[in-house]
């Protein structure tokens, strides 16, 4: 009898670790299709700086949620969770195995844990709180948050202005603390059998890979890519220009820094980002970690855990 369980494989890990190539090999062996979980690869025309997997390396495996939004659109974790679920179900209908692949921890968290139901957005109230933070200092707002939502107060950093203001905005708009709002969340994939594969390397090897990748980006013509995007009318403040690969190219084109500085700073920021990703993933439950060099073990683990 055919199993009714829906399988979902997640391949995660820091930037540069080899998620894309590992996922393509797995998808080939297990009749899978890949769903991108990189917050910058969803944007059209931003290819080199986001290190989008080129067509010739996709091994004829369908890749979803790549190039799906225009650069002027703000794509959110909620958008990702909704679209990833729809896509995973569509892949299963074809009797194929969905693989979610990428390193954007917030997107994975949204998909796996759900997002709070929303609401509580009040731009004028937010501006008022911003002004208060400027005038009286952030500590004043932190104290208010401690009074109205001690649970959330404990969870966020002292200097996390964005989250402190957001939590107060939600409370004053809905009269319900953010920590209580989160209790209503529901996983988008609660009826799936989820297999989480984490890829990791020794720090030295990962950093070498990151530096080689950045060198390759500049060799492949990231500067030209940015020039062409700007000429097409893509605004320098568009969301994908915040991606690690692009920030310093924009400065380079404005002649604020040299090419050498652009490369060095991109490498530095990418290393820092990889470190933050690992910190985030270590807090996630149920991940089985592997070296990307040990493909046979990864394949065996996935096969053994499929329902």
C-alpha atoms as a PDB file:
ATOM      1  CA  UNK A   1       0.000   0.000   0.000  1.00  0.00           C
ATOM      2  CA  UNK A   2       1.306   3.445  -0.871  1.00  0.00           C
ATOM      3  CA  UNK A   3       2.322   5.602   2.090  1.00  0.00           C
ATOM      4  CA  UNK A   4       0.260   8.704   2.619  1.00  0.00           C
ATOM      5  CA  UNK A   5       3.082  10.456   4.490  1.00  0.00           C
ATOM      6  CA  UNK A   6       4.467  13.555   2.854  1.00  0.00           C
ATOM      7  CA  UNK A   7       8.256  13.734   2.976  1.00  0.00           C
ATOM      8  CA  UNK A   8      10.157  17.010   2.937  1.00  0.00           C
ATOM      9  CA  UNK A   9      13.946  17.207   2.919  1.00  0.00           C
ATOM     10  CA  UNK A  10      15.688  20.364   4.084  1.00  0.00           C
ATOM     11  CA  UNK A  11      19.339  20.996   3.184  1.00  0.00           C
ATOM     12  CA  UNK A  12      20.768  23.876   5.204  1.00  0.00           C
ATOM     13  CA  UNK A  13      24.095  25.280   6.312  1.00  0.00           C
ATOM     14  CA  UNK A  14      26.277  28.364   5.994  1.00  0.00           C
ATOM     15  CA  UNK A  15      27.018  30.177   2.767  1.00  0.00           C
ATOM     16  CA  UNK A  16      29.680  28.498   0.620  1.00  0.00           C
ATOM     17  CA  UNK A  17      29.373  25.068   2.251  1.00  0.00           C
ATOM     18  CA  UNK A  18      28.076  23.292  -0.867  1.00  0.00           C
ATOM     19  CA  UNK A  19      24.309  23.044  -0.290  1.00  0.00           C
ATOM     20  CA  UNK A  20      23.304  23.446  -3.948  1.00  0.00           C
ATOM     21  CA  UNK A  21      25.592  20.765  -5.372  1.00  0.00           C
ATOM     22  CA  UNK A  22      24.744  18.304  -2.560  1.00  0.00           C
ATOM     23  CA  UNK A  23      21.019  18.876  -3.096  1.00  0.00           C
ATOM     24  CA  UNK A  24      21.317  18.350  -6.855  1.00  0.00           C
ATOM     25  CA  UNK A  25      23.096  15.008  -6.274  1.00  0.00           C
ATOM     26  CA  UNK A  26      20.440  13.939  -3.749  1.00  0.00           C
ATOM     27  CA  UNK A  27      17.588  15.019  -6.024  1.00  0.00           C
ATOM     28  CA  UNK A  28      19.064  12.967  -8.883  1.00  0.00           C
ATOM     29  CA  UNK A  29      19.280   9.849  -6.735  1.00  0.00           C
ATOM     30  CA  UNK A  30      15.850  10.255  -5.137  1.00  0.00           C
ATOM     31  CA  UNK A  31      13.729  11.742  -7.948  1.00  0.00           C
ATOM     32  CA  UNK A  32      13.530  15.134  -6.301  1.00  0.00           C
ATOM     33  CA  UNK A  33      12.922  18.763  -7.156  1.00  0.00           C
ATOM     34  CA  UNK A  34      14.560  21.734  -5.464  1.00  0.00           C
ATOM     35  CA  UNK A  35      12.869  24.686  -3.754  1.00  0.00           C
ATOM     36  CA  UNK A  36      15.203  27.625  -3.168  1.00  0.00           C
ATOM     37  CA  UNK A  37      15.418  29.000   0.386  1.00  0.00           C
ATOM     38  CA  UNK A  38      17.822  31.885  -0.173  1.00  0.00           C
ATOM     39  CA  UNK A  39      16.239  35.277   0.419  1.00  0.00           C
ATOM     40  CA  UNK A  40      18.248  36.934  -2.351  1.00  0.00           C
ATOM     41  CA  UNK A  41      18.028  34.270  -5.077  1.00  0.00           C
ATOM     42  CA  UNK A  42      14.258  34.864  -5.348  1.00  0.00           C
ATOM     43  CA  UNK A  43      15.046  38.114  -7.218  1.00  0.00           C
ATOM     44  CA  UNK A  44      15.208  38.254 -11.002  1.00  0.00           C
ATOM     45  CA  UNK A  45      18.441  39.402 -12.700  1.00  0.00           C
ATOM     46  CA  UNK A  46      20.542  39.269  -9.509  1.00  0.00           C
ATOM     47  CA  UNK A  47      22.656  36.247 -10.409  1.00  0.00           C
ATOM     48  CA  UNK A  48      26.376  36.629  -9.773  1.00  0.00           C
ATOM     49  CA  UNK A  49      26.258  38.355  -6.392  1.00  0.00           C
ATOM     50  CA  UNK A  50      23.666  35.900  -5.046  1.00  0.00           C
ATOM     51  CA  UNK A  51      25.678  32.958  -6.422  1.00  0.00           C
ATOM     52  CA  UNK A  52      22.591  31.531  -8.111  1.00  0.00           C
ATOM     53  CA  UNK A  53      23.229  28.005  -9.366  1.00  0.00           C
ATOM     54  CA  UNK A  54      23.776  28.279 -13.149  1.00  0.00           C
ATOM     55  CA  UNK A  55      21.506  26.249 -15.446  1.00  0.00           C
ATOM     56  CA  UNK A  56      24.289  23.912 -16.524  1.00  0.00           C
ATOM     57  CA  UNK A  57      24.913  22.888 -12.893  1.00  0.00           C
ATOM     58  CA  UNK A  58      21.269  22.112 -12.116  1.00  0.00           C
ATOM     59  CA  UNK A  59      21.572  18.614 -13.579  1.00  0.00           C
ATOM     60  CA  UNK A  60      18.162  18.840 -15.268  1.00  0.00           C
ATOM     61  CA  UNK A  61      16.568  18.993 -11.815  1.00  0.00           C
ATOM     62  CA  UNK A  62      13.686  21.516 -11.656  1.00  0.00           C
ATOM     63  CA  UNK A  63      14.522  24.450  -9.357  1.00  0.00           C
ATOM     64  CA  UNK A  64      11.642  26.462  -7.871  1.00  0.00           C
ATOM     65  CA  UNK A  65      11.450  29.921  -6.233  1.00  0.00           C
ATOM     66  CA  UNK A  66      14.460  31.212  -8.150  1.00  0.00           C
ATOM     67  CA  UNK A  67      13.892  34.441 -10.107  1.00  0.00           C
ATOM     68  CA  UNK A  68      10.293  34.822  -8.930  1.00  0.00           C
ATOM     69  CA  UNK A  69      10.067  38.483  -7.922  1.00  0.00           C
ATOM     70  CA  UNK A  70      11.118  41.788  -9.383  1.00  0.00           C
ATOM     71  CA  UNK A  71      13.959  43.640  -7.631  1.00  0.00           C
ATOM     72  CA  UNK A  72      11.651  46.402  -6.395  1.00  0.00           C
ATOM     73  CA  UNK A  73       9.485  43.961  -4.430  1.00  0.00           C
ATOM     74  CA  UNK A  74      10.050  43.312  -0.734  1.00  0.00           C
ATOM     75  CA  UNK A  75       9.822  39.515  -0.444  1.00  0.00           C
ATOM     76  CA  UNK A  76       9.077  38.383   3.125  1.00  0.00           C
ATOM     77  CA  UNK A  77       9.435  35.251   5.229  1.00  0.00           C
ATOM     78  CA  UNK A  78       5.635  34.910   5.098  1.00  0.00           C
ATOM     79  CA  UNK A  79       5.735  35.022   1.276  1.00  0.00           C
ATOM     80  CA  UNK A  80       8.400  32.334   1.307  1.00  0.00           C
ATOM     81  CA  UNK A  81       6.551  30.027   3.728  1.00  0.00           C
ATOM     82  CA  UNK A  82       3.330  30.255   1.711  1.00  0.00           C
ATOM     83  CA  UNK A  83       5.009  29.709  -1.672  1.00  0.00           C
ATOM     84  CA  UNK A  84       7.312  26.939  -0.416  1.00  0.00           C
ATOM     85  CA  UNK A  85       4.348  24.994   0.963  1.00  0.00           C
ATOM     86  CA  UNK A  86       2.385  25.373  -2.303  1.00  0.00           C
ATOM     87  CA  UNK A  87       5.431  24.271  -4.297  1.00  0.00           C
ATOM     88  CA  UNK A  88       6.202  21.292  -2.032  1.00  0.00           C
ATOM     89  CA  UNK A  89       2.626  20.056  -2.437  1.00  0.00           C
ATOM     90  CA  UNK A  90       2.816  20.519  -6.228  1.00  0.00           C
ATOM     91  CA  UNK A  91       6.091  18.540  -6.336  1.00  0.00           C
ATOM     92  CA  UNK A  92       4.529  15.710  -4.283  1.00  0.00           C
ATOM     93  CA  UNK A  93       1.563  15.576  -6.657  1.00  0.00           C
ATOM     94  CA  UNK A  94       4.048  14.705  -9.404  1.00  0.00           C
ATOM     95  CA  UNK A  95       5.252  11.811  -7.201  1.00  0.00           C
ATOM     96  CA  UNK A  96       8.568  13.613  -6.714  1.00  0.00           C
ATOM     97  CA  UNK A  97      10.419  14.467  -3.513  1.00  0.00           C
ATOM     98  CA  UNK A  98      10.625  18.157  -2.475  1.00  0.00           C
ATOM     99  CA  UNK A  99      13.985  19.484  -1.251  1.00  0.00           C
ATOM    100  CA  UNK A 100      14.140  22.888   0.447  1.00  0.00           C
ATOM    101  CA  UNK A 101      17.675  24.195   0.015  1.00  0.00           C
ATOM    102  CA  UNK A 102      19.261  27.340   1.404  1.00  0.00           C
ATOM    103  CA  UNK A 103      20.744  29.242   4.276  1.00  0.00           C
ATOM    104  CA  UNK A 104      18.132  31.877   5.137  1.00  0.00           C
ATOM    105  CA  UNK A 105      17.357  30.817   8.703  1.00  0.00           C
ATOM    106  CA  UNK A 106      14.424  33.199   9.117  1.00  0.00           C
ATOM    107  CA  UNK A 107      12.657  31.666   6.090  1.00  0.00           C
ATOM    108  CA  UNK A 108      13.162  28.141   7.407  1.00  0.00           C
ATOM    109  CA  UNK A 109      11.924  29.166  10.843  1.00  0.00           C
ATOM    110  CA  UNK A 110       8.812  30.734   9.282  1.00  0.00           C
ATOM    111  CA  UNK A 111       8.081  27.535   7.352  1.00  0.00           C
ATOM    112  CA  UNK A 112       8.775  25.136  10.226  1.00  0.00           C
ATOM    113  CA  UNK A 113       7.398  27.098  13.188  1.00  0.00           C
ATOM    114  CA  UNK A 114       4.875  29.383  11.548  1.00  0.00           C
ATOM    115  CA  UNK A 115       4.564  33.134  11.872  1.00  0.00           C
ATOM    116  CA  UNK A 116       2.413  34.991  14.320  1.00  0.00           C
ATOM    117  CA  UNK A 117      -0.920  35.874  12.747  1.00  0.00           C
ATOM    118  CA  UNK A 118       0.105  39.436  11.964  1.00  0.00           C
ATOM    119  CA  UNK A 119      -1.797  42.575  12.679  1.00  0.00           C
ATOM    120  CA  UNK A 120      -0.650  45.292  14.975  1.00  0.00           C
ATOM    121  CA  UNK A 121       0.918  47.391  12.252  1.00  0.00           C
ATOM    122  CA  UNK A 122       0.622  51.110  12.895  1.00  0.00           C
ATOM    123  CA  UNK A 123       3.207  53.296  11.099  1.00  0.00           C
ATOM    124  CA  UNK A 124       2.274  56.506  12.978  1.00  0.00           C
ATOM    125  CA  UNK A 125       2.631  54.733  16.337  1.00  0.00           C
ATOM    126  CA  UNK A 126       5.969  53.285  15.199  1.00  0.00           C
ATOM    127  CA  UNK A 127       7.231  56.764  14.271  1.00  0.00           C
ATOM    128  CA  UNK A 128       6.131  58.068  17.660  1.00  0.00           C
ATOM    129  CA  UNK A 129       8.082  55.267  19.376  1.00  0.00           C
ATOM    130  CA  UNK A 130      11.098  55.981  17.141  1.00  0.00           C
ATOM    131  CA  UNK A 131      11.009  59.625  18.225  1.00  0.00           C
ATOM    132  CA  UNK A 132      10.708  58.629  21.872  1.00  0.00           C
ATOM    133  CA  UNK A 133      13.725  56.318  21.541  1.00  0.00           C
ATOM    134  CA  UNK A 134      15.727  59.186  20.059  1.00  0.00           C
ATOM    135  CA  UNK A 135      14.649  61.682  22.692  1.00  0.00           C
ATOM    136  CA  UNK A 136      14.619  59.605  25.893  1.00  0.00           C
ATOM    137  CA  UNK A 137      16.862  56.702  24.914  1.00  0.00           C
ATOM    138  CA  UNK A 138      16.095  53.088  24.069  1.00  0.00           C
ATOM    139  CA  UNK A 139      16.178  52.050  27.737  1.00  0.00           C
ATOM    140  CA  UNK A 140      12.932  53.928  28.342  1.00  0.00           C
ATOM    141  CA  UNK A 141      11.204  51.809  25.715  1.00  0.00           C
ATOM    142  CA  UNK A 142      12.799  48.643  27.078  1.00  0.00           C
ATOM    143  CA  UNK A 143      11.321  49.390  30.483  1.00  0.00           C
ATOM    144  CA  UNK A 144       7.877  49.812  28.923  1.00  0.00           C
ATOM    145  CA  UNK A 145       8.311  46.495  27.142  1.00  0.00           C
ATOM    146  CA  UNK A 146       9.304  44.819  30.426  1.00  0.00           C
ATOM    147  CA  UNK A 147       6.033  45.989  31.965  1.00  0.00           C
ATOM    148  CA  UNK A 148       3.754  44.884  29.113  1.00  0.00           C
ATOM    149  CA  UNK A 149       5.563  41.766  27.867  1.00  0.00           C
ATOM    150  CA  UNK A 150       8.191  40.423  30.313  1.00  0.00           C
ATOM    151  CA  UNK A 151       8.501  37.134  28.364  1.00  0.00           C
ATOM    152  CA  UNK A 152       9.487  38.771  25.069  1.00  0.00           C
ATOM    153  CA  UNK A 153      11.600  41.328  26.962  1.00  0.00           C
ATOM    154  CA  UNK A 154      13.808  38.451  28.189  1.00  0.00           C
ATOM    155  CA  UNK A 155      14.243  37.046  24.683  1.00  0.00           C
ATOM    156  CA  UNK A 156      15.605  40.048  22.816  1.00  0.00           C
ATOM    157  CA  UNK A 157      18.851  41.957  23.045  1.00  0.00           C
ATOM    158  CA  UNK A 158      19.152  45.236  24.957  1.00  0.00           C
ATOM    159  CA  UNK A 159      20.118  47.147  21.819  1.00  0.00           C
ATOM    160  CA  UNK A 160      17.612  45.500  19.458  1.00  0.00           C
ATOM    161  CA  UNK A 161      15.728  48.681  18.682  1.00  0.00           C
ATOM    162  CA  UNK A 162      13.736  47.236  15.768  1.00  0.00           C
ATOM    163  CA  UNK A 163      12.290  44.377  17.826  1.00  0.00           C
ATOM    164  CA  UNK A 164      11.667  46.500  20.929  1.00  0.00           C
ATOM    165  CA  UNK A 165       9.678  49.032  18.894  1.00  0.00           C
ATOM    166  CA  UNK A 166       7.856  46.319  16.970  1.00  0.00           C
ATOM    167  CA  UNK A 167       6.826  44.556  20.209  1.00  0.00           C
ATOM    168  CA  UNK A 168       5.462  47.786  21.697  1.00  0.00           C
ATOM    169  CA  UNK A 169       3.697  48.652  18.442  1.00  0.00           C
ATOM    170  CA  UNK A 170       1.970  45.246  18.451  1.00  0.00           C
ATOM    171  CA  UNK A 171       1.008  45.535  22.120  1.00  0.00           C
ATOM    172  CA  UNK A 172      -0.428  49.057  21.883  1.00  0.00           C
ATOM    173  CA  UNK A 173      -2.295  48.192  18.661  1.00  0.00           C
ATOM    174  CA  UNK A 174      -3.747  44.842  19.723  1.00  0.00           C
ATOM    175  CA  UNK A 175      -3.573  44.989  23.533  1.00  0.00           C
ATOM    176  CA  UNK A 176      -1.995  41.559  23.350  1.00  0.00           C
ATOM    177  CA  UNK A 177       1.715  40.929  24.060  1.00  0.00           C
ATOM    178  CA  UNK A 178       3.827  39.658  21.186  1.00  0.00           C
ATOM    179  CA  UNK A 179       4.863  36.590  23.221  1.00  0.00           C
ATOM    180  CA  UNK A 180       1.150  35.605  23.454  1.00  0.00           C
ATOM    181  CA  UNK A 181       0.683  36.255  19.721  1.00  0.00           C
ATOM    182  CA  UNK A 182       3.436  33.723  19.031  1.00  0.00           C
ATOM    183  CA  UNK A 183       1.482  31.037  20.891  1.00  0.00           C
ATOM    184  CA  UNK A 184      -1.050  31.072  18.057  1.00  0.00           C
ATOM    185  CA  UNK A 185       1.496  30.116  15.442  1.00  0.00           C
ATOM    186  CA  UNK A 186       1.216  26.885  13.548  1.00  0.00           C
ATOM    187  CA  UNK A 187       3.789  25.202  11.345  1.00  0.00           C
ATOM    188  CA  UNK A 188       3.092  25.379   7.639  1.00  0.00           C
ATOM    189  CA  UNK A 189       4.449  21.840   7.292  1.00  0.00           C
ATOM    190  CA  UNK A 190       2.993  20.162  10.381  1.00  0.00           C
ATOM    191  CA  UNK A 191       1.708  17.178   8.370  1.00  0.00           C
ATOM    192  CA  UNK A 192       5.087  16.451   6.720  1.00  0.00           C
ATOM    193  CA  UNK A 193       7.823  14.032   7.687  1.00  0.00           C
ATOM    194  CA  UNK A 194      10.732  16.476   7.789  1.00  0.00           C
ATOM    195  CA  UNK A 195      14.342  15.380   7.334  1.00  0.00           C
ATOM    196  CA  UNK A 196      16.868  18.116   8.136  1.00  0.00           C
ATOM    197  CA  UNK A 197      20.352  17.753   6.679  1.00  0.00           C
ATOM    198  CA  UNK A 198      22.928  20.258   7.927  1.00  0.00           C
ATOM    199  CA  UNK A 199      26.199  20.722   6.065  1.00  0.00           C
ATOM    200  CA  UNK A 200      29.277  21.977   7.854  1.00  0.00           C
ATOM    201  CA  UNK A 201      33.012  22.246   7.303  1.00  0.00           C
ATOM    202  CA  UNK A 202      36.008  23.084   9.437  1.00  0.00           C
ATOM    203  CA  UNK A 203      36.173  26.869   9.717  1.00  0.00           C
ATOM    204  CA  UNK A 204      39.439  27.124   7.786  1.00  0.00           C
ATOM    205  CA  UNK A 205      38.072  25.177   4.808  1.00  0.00           C
ATOM    206  CA  UNK A 206      34.772  27.080   4.831  1.00  0.00           C
ATOM    207  CA  UNK A 207      36.550  30.449   4.889  1.00  0.00           C
ATOM    208  CA  UNK A 208      38.828  29.368   2.019  1.00  0.00           C
ATOM    209  CA  UNK A 209      35.748  28.425   0.003  1.00  0.00           C
ATOM    210  CA  UNK A 210      34.078  31.739   0.811  1.00  0.00           C
ATOM    211  CA  UNK A 211      37.151  33.705  -0.289  1.00  0.00           C
ATOM    212  CA  UNK A 212      37.440  31.720  -3.523  1.00  0.00           C
ATOM    213  CA  UNK A 213      33.747  32.274  -4.191  1.00  0.00           C
ATOM    214  CA  UNK A 214      34.072  36.035  -3.743  1.00  0.00           C
ATOM    215  CA  UNK A 215      37.108  36.129  -6.069  1.00  0.00           C
ATOM    216  CA  UNK A 216      35.075  34.188  -8.627  1.00  0.00           C
ATOM    217  CA  UNK A 217      32.149  36.640  -8.335  1.00  0.00           C
ATOM    218  CA  UNK A 218      34.412  39.516  -9.283  1.00  0.00           C
ATOM    219  CA  UNK A 219      36.039  37.477 -12.074  1.00  0.00           C
ATOM    220  CA  UNK A 220      32.603  36.556 -13.460  1.00  0.00           C
ATOM    221  CA  UNK A 221      31.725  40.237 -13.702  1.00  0.00           C
ATOM    222  CA  UNK A 222      29.657  41.249 -10.686  1.00  0.00           C
ATOM    223  CA  UNK A 223      30.656  44.886 -11.310  1.00  0.00           C
ATOM    224  CA  UNK A 224      29.260  44.713 -14.833  1.00  0.00           C
ATOM    225  CA  UNK A 225      26.101  43.019 -13.524  1.00  0.00           C
ATOM    226  CA  UNK A 226      25.505  45.891 -11.105  1.00  0.00           C
ATOM    227  CA  UNK A 227      26.145  48.530 -13.787  1.00  0.00           C
ATOM    228  CA  UNK A 228      23.607  46.862 -16.080  1.00  0.00           C
ATOM    229  CA  UNK A 229      21.008  46.588 -13.303  1.00  0.00           C
ATOM    230  CA  UNK A 230      21.384  50.284 -12.476  1.00  0.00           C
ATOM    231  CA  UNK A 231      21.149  51.186 -16.174  1.00  0.00           C
ATOM    232  CA  UNK A 232      17.920  49.166 -16.399  1.00  0.00           C
ATOM    233  CA  UNK A 233      16.506  51.436 -13.728  1.00  0.00           C
ATOM    234  CA  UNK A 234      16.812  49.141 -10.701  1.00  0.00           C
ATOM    235  CA  UNK A 235      17.127  51.468  -7.696  1.00  0.00           C
ATOM    236  CA  UNK A 236      20.297  51.240  -5.614  1.00  0.00           C
ATOM    237  CA  UNK A 237      18.055  50.926  -2.533  1.00  0.00           C
ATOM    238  CA  UNK A 238      16.186  47.854  -3.922  1.00  0.00           C
ATOM    239  CA  UNK A 239      16.046  44.923  -1.465  1.00  0.00           C
ATOM    240  CA  UNK A 240      18.415  42.582  -3.397  1.00  0.00           C
ATOM    241  CA  UNK A 241      21.157  45.223  -3.434  1.00  0.00           C
ATOM    242  CA  UNK A 242      21.419  44.546   0.294  1.00  0.00           C
ATOM    243  CA  UNK A 243      22.831  41.086  -0.516  1.00  0.00           C
ATOM    244  CA  UNK A 244      26.428  40.625   0.611  1.00  0.00           C
ATOM    245  CA  UNK A 245      27.804  40.493  -2.905  1.00  0.00           C
ATOM    246  CA  UNK A 246      26.424  43.871  -3.977  1.00  0.00           C
ATOM    247  CA  UNK A 247      26.910  46.299  -1.115  1.00  0.00           C
ATOM    248  CA  UNK A 248      30.563  47.074  -1.843  1.00  0.00           C
ATOM    249  CA  UNK A 249      30.213  46.978  -5.627  1.00  0.00           C
ATOM    250  CA  UNK A 250      27.824  49.921  -5.303  1.00  0.00           C
ATOM    251  CA  UNK A 251      30.465  51.755  -3.230  1.00  0.00           C
ATOM    252  CA  UNK A 252      33.113  50.826  -5.804  1.00  0.00           C
ATOM    253  CA  UNK A 253      31.018  52.275  -8.641  1.00  0.00           C
ATOM    254  CA  UNK A 254      30.560  55.487  -6.651  1.00  0.00           C
ATOM    255  CA  UNK A 255      34.372  55.562  -6.357  1.00  0.00           C
ATOM    256  CA  UNK A 256      34.108  55.476  -2.545  1.00  0.00           C
ATOM    257  CA  UNK A 257      36.405  52.433  -2.312  1.00  0.00           C
ATOM    258  CA  UNK A 258      38.909  50.617  -4.529  1.00  0.00           C
ATOM    259  CA  UNK A 259      38.357  47.229  -6.196  1.00  0.00           C
ATOM    260  CA  UNK A 260      40.767  45.631  -3.739  1.00  0.00           C
ATOM    261  CA  UNK A 261      38.796  47.057  -0.776  1.00  0.00           C
ATOM    262  CA  UNK A 262      35.496  45.921  -2.309  1.00  0.00           C
ATOM    263  CA  UNK A 263      36.815  42.346  -2.551  1.00  0.00           C
ATOM    264  CA  UNK A 264      38.367  42.342   0.942  1.00  0.00           C
ATOM    265  CA  UNK A 265      35.256  43.781   2.616  1.00  0.00           C
ATOM    266  CA  UNK A 266      32.919  41.392   0.782  1.00  0.00           C
ATOM    267  CA  UNK A 267      35.041  38.467   1.980  1.00  0.00           C
ATOM    268  CA  UNK A 268      35.038  39.763   5.550  1.00  0.00           C
ATOM    269  CA  UNK A 269      31.272  40.325   5.658  1.00  0.00           C
ATOM    270  CA  UNK A 270      30.567  36.930   4.085  1.00  0.00           C
ATOM    271  CA  UNK A 271      32.723  35.182   6.698  1.00  0.00           C
ATOM    272  CA  UNK A 272      30.834  37.017   9.456  1.00  0.00           C
ATOM    273  CA  UNK A 273      27.523  36.073   7.867  1.00  0.00           C
ATOM    274  CA  UNK A 274      28.503  32.371   7.722  1.00  0.00           C
ATOM    275  CA  UNK A 275      29.333  32.542  11.436  1.00  0.00           C
ATOM    276  CA  UNK A 276      25.924  34.082  12.231  1.00  0.00           C
ATOM    277  CA  UNK A 277      24.189  31.412  10.135  1.00  0.00           C
ATOM    278  CA  UNK A 278      25.872  28.631  12.123  1.00  0.00           C
ATOM    279  CA  UNK A 279      24.842  30.277  15.409  1.00  0.00           C
ATOM    280  CA  UNK A 280      21.243  30.403  14.154  1.00  0.00           C
ATOM    281  CA  UNK A 281      21.218  26.776  12.936  1.00  0.00           C
ATOM    282  CA  UNK A 282      22.725  25.450  16.170  1.00  0.00           C
ATOM    283  CA  UNK A 283      19.546  26.587  17.924  1.00  0.00           C
ATOM    284  CA  UNK A 284      17.359  24.610  15.494  1.00  0.00           C
ATOM    285  CA  UNK A 285      16.179  21.206  16.568  1.00  0.00           C
ATOM    286  CA  UNK A 286      16.457  17.910  14.732  1.00  0.00           C
ATOM    287  CA  UNK A 287      19.316  18.684  12.337  1.00  0.00           C
ATOM    288  CA  UNK A 288      21.651  15.829  11.407  1.00  0.00           C
ATOM    289  CA  UNK A 289      25.034  17.314  10.522  1.00  0.00           C
ATOM    290  CA  UNK A 290      27.362  16.024   7.807  1.00  0.00           C
ATOM    291  CA  UNK A 291      30.434  17.081   5.916  1.00  0.00           C
ATOM    292  CA  UNK A 292      29.526  17.839   2.278  1.00  0.00           C
ATOM    293  CA  UNK A 293      32.421  15.508   1.394  1.00  0.00           C
ATOM    294  CA  UNK A 294      30.545  12.533   2.858  1.00  0.00           C
ATOM    295  CA  UNK A 295      27.777  12.174   0.281  1.00  0.00           C
ATOM    296  CA  UNK A 296      27.206   8.388   0.763  1.00  0.00           C
ATOM    297  CA  UNK A 297      26.340   8.942   4.458  1.00  0.00           C
ATOM    298  CA  UNK A 298      23.985  11.811   3.610  1.00  0.00           C
ATOM    299  CA  UNK A 299      22.186   9.705   1.007  1.00  0.00           C
ATOM    300  CA  UNK A 300      21.911   6.747   3.370  1.00  0.00           C
ATOM    301  CA  UNK A 301      20.540   8.917   6.188  1.00  0.00           C
ATOM    302  CA  UNK A 302      17.853  10.420   3.948  1.00  0.00           C
ATOM    303  CA  UNK A 303      16.838   7.010   2.559  1.00  0.00           C
ATOM    304  CA  UNK A 304      16.591   5.529   6.043  1.00  0.00           C
ATOM    305  CA  UNK A 305      14.353   8.342   7.260  1.00  0.00           C
ATOM    306  CA  UNK A 306      11.901   8.550   4.384  1.00  0.00           C
ATOM    307  CA  UNK A 307       8.367   7.426   5.188  1.00  0.00           C
END
